[in-house]
Amino acid sequence: MAWMSDWCERDPNAWESSTGLFAAWKAWAERSGEYVGTIRRFAQALERHGITFLRKNKARGYVGLRLVGDAR
């Protein structure tokens, strides 16, 4: 997933919200001419790359990935 290498860093202690990650993906994909797809498809791709879903204080997000650079 090129987006991950451009806008993210792996960190086992990091947590990012699902909506924040998807918004960053959508912005990157639109600029790159990639198909955005649905949040469900995006979530499946994250999980295939070893990023784990976790609810944190009722918020939905993922452990193991941090947004950096242009994503913020």
PDB file of N, CA and C in Angstrom:
ATOM      1  N   MET A   1       0.859  -1.168   0.000  1.00  0.00           N
ATOM      2  CA  MET A   1       0.000   0.000   0.000  1.00  0.00           C
ATOM      3  C   MET A   1       0.910   1.237   0.000  1.00  0.00           C
ATOM      4  N   ALA A   2       1.018   1.899  -1.138  1.00  0.00           N
ATOM      5  CA  ALA A   2       1.911   3.063  -1.278  1.00  0.00           C
ATOM      6  C   ALA A   2       1.525   4.187  -0.326  1.00  0.00           C
ATOM      7  N   TRP A   3       0.259   4.338  -0.060  1.00  0.00           N
ATOM      8  CA  TRP A   3      -0.213   5.377   0.856  1.00  0.00           C
ATOM      9  C   TRP A   3       0.447   5.230   2.224  1.00  0.00           C
ATOM     10  N   MET A   4       0.576   4.007   2.696  1.00  0.00           N
ATOM     11  CA  MET A   4       1.177   3.790   4.013  1.00  0.00           C
ATOM     12  C   MET A   4       2.620   4.252   4.045  1.00  0.00           C
ATOM     13  N   SER A   5       3.366   3.998   2.997  1.00  0.00           N
ATOM     14  CA  SER A   5       4.767   4.424   2.999  1.00  0.00           C
ATOM     15  C   SER A   5       4.898   5.932   2.809  1.00  0.00           C
ATOM     16  N   ASP A   6       3.917   6.568   2.150  1.00  0.00           N
ATOM     17  CA  ASP A   6       3.955   8.017   1.949  1.00  0.00           C
ATOM     18  C   ASP A   6       3.496   8.805   3.180  1.00  0.00           C
ATOM     19  N   TRP A   7       2.455   8.340   3.847  1.00  0.00           N
ATOM     20  CA  TRP A   7       1.809   9.149   4.882  1.00  0.00           C
ATOM     21  C   TRP A   7       1.790   8.547   6.273  1.00  0.00           C
ATOM     22  N   CYS A   8       2.366   7.375   6.454  1.00  0.00           N
ATOM     23  CA  CYS A   8       2.258   6.710   7.757  1.00  0.00           C
ATOM     24  C   CYS A   8       3.606   6.149   8.203  1.00  0.00           C
ATOM     25  N   GLU A   9       3.656   5.873   9.483  1.00  0.00           N
ATOM     26  CA  GLU A   9       4.770   5.100  10.011  1.00  0.00           C
ATOM     27  C   GLU A   9       4.184   4.058  10.950  1.00  0.00           C
ATOM     28  N   ARG A  10       4.796   2.907  10.939  1.00  0.00           N
ATOM     29  CA  ARG A  10       4.341   1.841  11.834  1.00  0.00           C
ATOM     30  C   ARG A  10       4.913   2.086  13.222  1.00  0.00           C
ATOM     31  N   ASP A  11       4.043   1.953  14.195  1.00  0.00           N
ATOM     32  CA  ASP A  11       4.421   2.123  15.595  1.00  0.00           C
ATOM     33  C   ASP A  11       3.473   1.248  16.400  1.00  0.00           C
ATOM     34  N   PRO A  12       3.976   0.236  17.089  1.00  0.00           N
ATOM     35  CA  PRO A  12       3.093  -0.684  17.818  1.00  0.00           C
ATOM     36  C   PRO A  12       2.270   0.002  18.903  1.00  0.00           C
ATOM     37  N   ASN A  13       2.680   1.193  19.348  1.00  0.00           N
ATOM     38  CA  ASN A  13       1.960   1.903  20.402  1.00  0.00           C
ATOM     39  C   ASN A  13       1.026   2.988  19.872  1.00  0.00           C
ATOM     40  N   ALA A  14       1.024   3.204  18.570  1.00  0.00           N
ATOM     41  CA  ALA A  14       0.203   4.269  17.974  1.00  0.00           C
ATOM     42  C   ALA A  14      -1.239   3.812  17.822  1.00  0.00           C
ATOM     43  N   TRP A  15      -2.151   4.765  17.892  1.00  0.00           N
ATOM     44  CA  TRP A  15      -3.567   4.529  17.624  1.00  0.00           C
ATOM     45  C   TRP A  15      -4.081   5.711  16.820  1.00  0.00           C
ATOM     46  N   GLU A  16      -4.790   5.426  15.736  1.00  0.00           N
ATOM     47  CA  GLU A  16      -5.409   6.461  14.905  1.00  0.00           C
ATOM     48  C   GLU A  16      -6.870   6.088  14.682  1.00  0.00           C
ATOM     49  N   SER A  17      -7.733   7.083  14.629  1.00  0.00           N
ATOM     50  CA  SER A  17      -9.151   6.820  14.414  1.00  0.00           C
ATOM     51  C   SER A  17      -9.401   6.323  12.993  1.00  0.00           C
ATOM     52  N   SER A  18     -10.436   5.538  12.846  1.00  0.00           N
ATOM     53  CA  SER A  18     -10.824   5.025  11.526  1.00  0.00           C
ATOM     54  C   SER A  18     -11.137   6.169  10.577  1.00  0.00           C
ATOM     55  N   THR A  19     -11.872   7.162  11.064  1.00  0.00           N
ATOM     56  CA  THR A  19     -12.257   8.275  10.191  1.00  0.00           C
ATOM     57  C   THR A  19     -11.047   9.107   9.796  1.00  0.00           C
ATOM     58  N   GLY A  20     -10.104   9.299  10.702  1.00  0.00           N
ATOM     59  CA  GLY A  20      -8.891  10.049  10.383  1.00  0.00           C
ATOM     60  C   GLY A  20      -8.039   9.344   9.347  1.00  0.00           C
ATOM     61  N   LEU A  21      -7.886   8.040   9.503  1.00  0.00           N
ATOM     62  CA  LEU A  21      -7.112   7.267   8.531  1.00  0.00           C
ATOM     63  C   LEU A  21      -7.788   7.264   7.170  1.00  0.00           C
ATOM     64  N   PHE A  22      -9.110   7.065   7.156  1.00  0.00           N
ATOM     65  CA  PHE A  22      -9.814   7.022   5.874  1.00  0.00           C
ATOM     66  C   PHE A  22      -9.775   8.383   5.180  1.00  0.00           C
ATOM     67  N   ALA A  23      -9.895   9.465   5.938  1.00  0.00           N
ATOM     68  CA  ALA A  23      -9.819  10.809   5.347  1.00  0.00           C
ATOM     69  C   ALA A  23      -8.450  11.039   4.716  1.00  0.00           C
ATOM     70  N   ALA A  24      -7.399  10.598   5.400  1.00  0.00           N
ATOM     71  CA  ALA A  24      -6.046  10.742   4.857  1.00  0.00           C
ATOM     72  C   ALA A  24      -5.886   9.889   3.604  1.00  0.00           C
ATOM     73  N   TRP A  25      -6.409   8.659   3.648  1.00  0.00           N
ATOM     74  CA  TRP A  25      -6.353   7.780   2.475  1.00  0.00           C
ATOM     75  C   TRP A  25      -7.095   8.408   1.301  1.00  0.00           C
ATOM     76  N   LYS A  26      -8.293   8.924   1.565  1.00  0.00           N
ATOM     77  CA  LYS A  26      -9.110   9.494   0.502  1.00  0.00           C
ATOM     78  C   LYS A  26      -8.408  10.679  -0.162  1.00  0.00           C
ATOM     79  N   ALA A  27      -7.818  11.553   0.641  1.00  0.00           N
ATOM     80  CA  ALA A  27      -7.095  12.713   0.097  1.00  0.00           C
ATOM     81  C   ALA A  27      -5.921  12.249  -0.760  1.00  0.00           C
ATOM     82  N   TRP A  28      -5.158  11.284  -0.267  1.00  0.00           N
ATOM     83  CA  TRP A  28      -4.017  10.767  -1.012  1.00  0.00           C
ATOM     84  C   TRP A  28      -4.473  10.106  -2.307  1.00  0.00           C
ATOM     85  N   ALA A  29      -5.498   9.269  -2.221  1.00  0.00           N
ATOM     86  CA  ALA A  29      -5.986   8.537  -3.387  1.00  0.00           C
ATOM     87  C   ALA A  29      -6.500   9.484  -4.467  1.00  0.00           C
ATOM     88  N   GLU A  30      -7.238  10.500  -4.074  1.00  0.00           N
ATOM     89  CA  GLU A  30      -7.756  11.459  -5.049  1.00  0.00           C
ATOM     90  C   GLU A  30      -6.624  12.204  -5.743  1.00  0.00           C
ATOM     91  N   ARG A  31      -5.603  12.601  -4.997  1.00  0.00           N
ATOM     92  CA  ARG A  31      -4.449  13.281  -5.594  1.00  0.00           C
ATOM     93  C   ARG A  31      -3.625  12.356  -6.488  1.00  0.00           C
ATOM     94  N   SER A  32      -3.628  11.077  -6.152  1.00  0.00           N
ATOM     95  CA  SER A  32      -2.813  10.107  -6.881  1.00  0.00           C
ATOM     96  C   SER A  32      -3.562   9.416  -8.014  1.00  0.00           C
ATOM     97  N   GLY A  33      -4.845   9.718  -8.149  1.00  0.00           N
ATOM     98  CA  GLY A  33      -5.636   9.085  -9.192  1.00  0.00           C
ATOM     99  C   GLY A  33      -6.011   7.640  -8.884  1.00  0.00           C
ATOM    100  N   GLU A  34      -5.987   7.283  -7.607  1.00  0.00           N
ATOM    101  CA  GLU A  34      -6.354   5.933  -7.177  1.00  0.00           C
ATOM    102  C   GLU A  34      -7.848   5.868  -6.884  1.00  0.00           C
ATOM    103  N   TYR A  35      -8.401   4.673  -6.984  1.00  0.00           N
ATOM    104  CA  TYR A  35      -9.798   4.444  -6.620  1.00  0.00           C
ATOM    105  C   TYR A  35      -9.919   4.513  -5.107  1.00  0.00           C
ATOM    106  N   VAL A  36     -10.832   5.347  -4.600  1.00  0.00           N
ATOM    107  CA  VAL A  36     -10.980   5.531  -3.154  1.00  0.00           C
ATOM    108  C   VAL A  36     -11.674   4.328  -2.530  1.00  0.00           C
ATOM    109  N   GLY A  37     -12.797   3.914  -3.048  1.00  0.00           N
ATOM    110  CA  GLY A  37     -13.538   2.785  -2.490  1.00  0.00           C
ATOM    111  C   GLY A  37     -14.257   3.149  -1.207  1.00  0.00           C
ATOM    112  N   THR A  38     -14.682   2.140  -0.495  1.00  0.00           N
ATOM    113  CA  THR A  38     -15.447   2.325   0.735  1.00  0.00           C
ATOM    114  C   THR A  38     -14.545   2.208   1.952  1.00  0.00           C
ATOM    115  N   ILE A  39     -15.052   2.673   3.079  1.00  0.00           N
ATOM    116  CA  ILE A  39     -14.291   2.546   4.322  1.00  0.00           C
ATOM    117  C   ILE A  39     -14.134   1.072   4.697  1.00  0.00           C
ATOM    118  N   ARG A  40     -15.106   0.255   4.352  1.00  0.00           N
ATOM    119  CA  ARG A  40     -15.000  -1.188   4.642  1.00  0.00           C
ATOM    120  C   ARG A  40     -13.843  -1.802   3.849  1.00  0.00           C
ATOM    121  N   ARG A  41     -13.743  -1.471   2.587  1.00  0.00           N
ATOM    122  CA  ARG A  41     -12.651  -1.983   1.746  1.00  0.00           C
ATOM    123  C   ARG A  41     -11.298  -1.488   2.279  1.00  0.00           C
ATOM    124  N   PHE A  42     -11.252  -0.240   2.701  1.00  0.00           N
ATOM    125  CA  PHE A  42     -10.046   0.337   3.280  1.00  0.00           C
ATOM    126  C   PHE A  42      -9.656  -0.409   4.560  1.00  0.00           C
ATOM    127  N   ALA A  43     -10.644  -0.681   5.417  1.00  0.00           N
ATOM    128  CA  ALA A  43     -10.395  -1.397   6.671  1.00  0.00           C
ATOM    129  C   ALA A  43      -9.833  -2.794   6.398  1.00  0.00           C
ATOM    130  N   GLN A  44     -10.375  -3.470   5.401  1.00  0.00           N
ATOM    131  CA  GLN A  44      -9.885  -4.800   5.047  1.00  0.00           C
ATOM    132  C   GLN A  44      -8.432  -4.732   4.566  1.00  0.00           C
ATOM    133  N   ALA A  45      -8.105  -3.699   3.810  1.00  0.00           N
ATOM    134  CA  ALA A  45      -6.727  -3.538   3.332  1.00  0.00           C
ATOM    135  C   ALA A  45      -5.777  -3.293   4.507  1.00  0.00           C
ATOM    136  N   LEU A  46      -6.190  -2.470   5.469  1.00  0.00           N
ATOM    137  CA  LEU A  46      -5.345  -2.238   6.646  1.00  0.00           C
ATOM    138  C   LEU A  46      -5.089  -3.542   7.382  1.00  0.00           C
ATOM    139  N   GLU A  47      -6.139  -4.325   7.587  1.00  0.00           N
ATOM    140  CA  GLU A  47      -5.996  -5.573   8.318  1.00  0.00           C
ATOM    141  C   GLU A  47      -5.111  -6.568   7.564  1.00  0.00           C
ATOM    142  N   ARG A  48      -5.177  -6.578   6.246  1.00  0.00           N
ATOM    143  CA  ARG A  48      -4.284  -7.442   5.449  1.00  0.00           C
ATOM    144  C   ARG A  48      -2.823  -7.038   5.632  1.00  0.00           C
ATOM    145  N   HIS A  49      -2.590  -5.767   5.964  1.00  0.00           N
ATOM    146  CA  HIS A  49      -1.220  -5.273   6.170  1.00  0.00           C
ATOM    147  C   HIS A  49      -0.811  -5.313   7.648  1.00  0.00           C
ATOM    148  N   GLY A  50      -1.570  -6.020   8.461  1.00  0.00           N
ATOM    149  CA  GLY A  50      -1.188  -6.234   9.848  1.00  0.00           C
ATOM    150  C   GLY A  50      -1.569  -5.130  10.817  1.00  0.00           C
ATOM    151  N   ILE A  51      -2.454  -4.230  10.404  1.00  0.00           N
ATOM    152  CA  ILE A  51      -2.912  -3.160  11.289  1.00  0.00           C
ATOM    153  C   ILE A  51      -4.177  -3.643  11.984  1.00  0.00           C
ATOM    154  N   THR A  52      -4.215  -3.555  13.299  1.00  0.00           N
ATOM    155  CA  THR A  52      -5.275  -4.147  14.102  1.00  0.00           C
ATOM    156  C   THR A  52      -6.346  -3.137  14.504  1.00  0.00           C
ATOM    157  N   PHE A  53      -7.611  -3.521  14.318  1.00  0.00           N
ATOM    158  CA  PHE A  53      -8.737  -2.695  14.729  1.00  0.00           C
ATOM    159  C   PHE A  53      -8.866  -2.734  16.242  1.00  0.00           C
ATOM    160  N   LEU A  54      -9.168  -1.579  16.860  1.00  0.00           N
ATOM    161  CA  LEU A  54      -9.357  -1.502  18.307  1.00  0.00           C
ATOM    162  C   LEU A  54     -10.269  -0.345  18.656  1.00  0.00           C
ATOM    163  N   ARG A  55     -11.270  -0.617  19.489  1.00  0.00           N
ATOM    164  CA  ARG A  55     -12.100   0.461  20.028  1.00  0.00           C
ATOM    165  C   ARG A  55     -11.400   1.026  21.259  1.00  0.00           C
ATOM    166  N   LYS A  56     -11.398   2.341  21.328  1.00  0.00           N
ATOM    167  CA  LYS A  56     -10.723   3.024  22.439  1.00  0.00           C
ATOM    168  C   LYS A  56     -11.675   4.103  22.942  1.00  0.00           C
ATOM    169  N   ASN A  57     -12.203   3.913  24.150  1.00  0.00           N
ATOM    170  CA  ASN A  57     -13.173   4.865  24.721  1.00  0.00           C
ATOM    171  C   ASN A  57     -14.309   5.158  23.745  1.00  0.00           C
ATOM    172  N   LYS A  58     -14.900   4.102  23.199  1.00  0.00           N
ATOM    173  CA  LYS A  58     -16.020   4.160  22.257  1.00  0.00           C
ATOM    174  C   LYS A  58     -15.639   4.653  20.863  1.00  0.00           C
ATOM    175  N   ALA A  59     -14.407   5.073  20.668  1.00  0.00           N
ATOM    176  CA  ALA A  59     -13.952   5.508  19.339  1.00  0.00           C
ATOM    177  C   ALA A  59     -13.389   4.293  18.602  1.00  0.00           C
ATOM    178  N   ARG A  60     -13.583   4.279  17.302  1.00  0.00           N
ATOM    179  CA  ARG A  60     -13.088   3.175  16.485  1.00  0.00           C
ATOM    180  C   ARG A  60     -11.794   3.593  15.800  1.00  0.00           C
ATOM    181  N   GLY A  61     -10.827   2.698  15.832  1.00  0.00           N
ATOM    182  CA  GLY A  61      -9.562   3.039  15.218  1.00  0.00           C
ATOM    183  C   GLY A  61      -8.660   1.834  15.071  1.00  0.00           C
ATOM    184  N   TYR A  62      -7.392   2.128  14.788  1.00  0.00           N
ATOM    185  CA  TYR A  62      -6.418   1.076  14.512  1.00  0.00           C
ATOM    186  C   TYR A  62      -5.140   1.300  15.305  1.00  0.00           C
ATOM    187  N   VAL A  63      -4.590   0.200  15.765  1.00  0.00           N
ATOM    188  CA  VAL A  63      -3.331   0.189  16.511  1.00  0.00           C
ATOM    189  C   VAL A  63      -2.220  -0.220  15.548  1.00  0.00           C
ATOM    190  N   GLY A  64      -1.076   0.455  15.672  1.00  0.00           N
ATOM    191  CA  GLY A  64       0.088   0.048  14.913  1.00  0.00           C
ATOM    192  C   GLY A  64       0.451   0.974  13.768  1.00  0.00           C
ATOM    193  N   LEU A  65      -0.307   2.057  13.595  1.00  0.00           N
ATOM    194  CA  LEU A  65      -0.066   2.955  12.472  1.00  0.00           C
ATOM    195  C   LEU A  65      -0.258   4.403  12.921  1.00  0.00           C
ATOM    196  N   ARG A  66       0.658   5.279  12.534  1.00  0.00           N
ATOM    197  CA  ARG A  66       0.584   6.699  12.885  1.00  0.00           C
ATOM    198  C   ARG A  66       0.645   7.521  11.609  1.00  0.00           C
ATOM    199  N   LEU A  67      -0.253   8.505  11.486  1.00  0.00           N
ATOM    200  CA  LEU A  67      -0.214   9.438  10.360  1.00  0.00           C
ATOM    201  C   LEU A  67       0.904  10.441  10.580  1.00  0.00           C
ATOM    202  N   VAL A  68       1.640  10.742   9.530  1.00  0.00           N
ATOM    203  CA  VAL A  68       2.737  11.711   9.607  1.00  0.00           C
ATOM    204  C   VAL A  68       2.731  12.601   8.374  1.00  0.00           C
ATOM    205  N   GLY A  69       3.563  13.615   8.386  1.00  0.00           N
ATOM    206  CA  GLY A  69       3.775  14.482   7.225  1.00  0.00           C
ATOM    207  C   GLY A  69       2.514  15.133   6.706  1.00  0.00           C
ATOM    208  N   ASP A  70       2.280  15.009   5.388  1.00  0.00           N
ATOM    209  CA  ASP A  70       1.139  15.641   4.726  1.00  0.00           C
ATOM    210  C   ASP A  70      -0.199  15.181   5.248  1.00  0.00           C
ATOM    211  N   ALA A  71      -0.231  14.043   5.934  1.00  0.00           N
ATOM    212  CA  ALA A  71      -1.501  13.485   6.410  1.00  0.00           C
ATOM    213  C   ALA A  71      -2.088  14.290   7.552  1.00  0.00           C
ATOM    214  N   ARG A  72      -1.304  15.082   8.223  1.00  0.00           N
ATOM    215  CA  ARG A  72      -1.794  15.836   9.396  1.00  0.00           C
ATOM    216  C   ARG A  72      -2.335  17.171   9.007  1.00  0.00           C
TER     217      ARG A  72
END
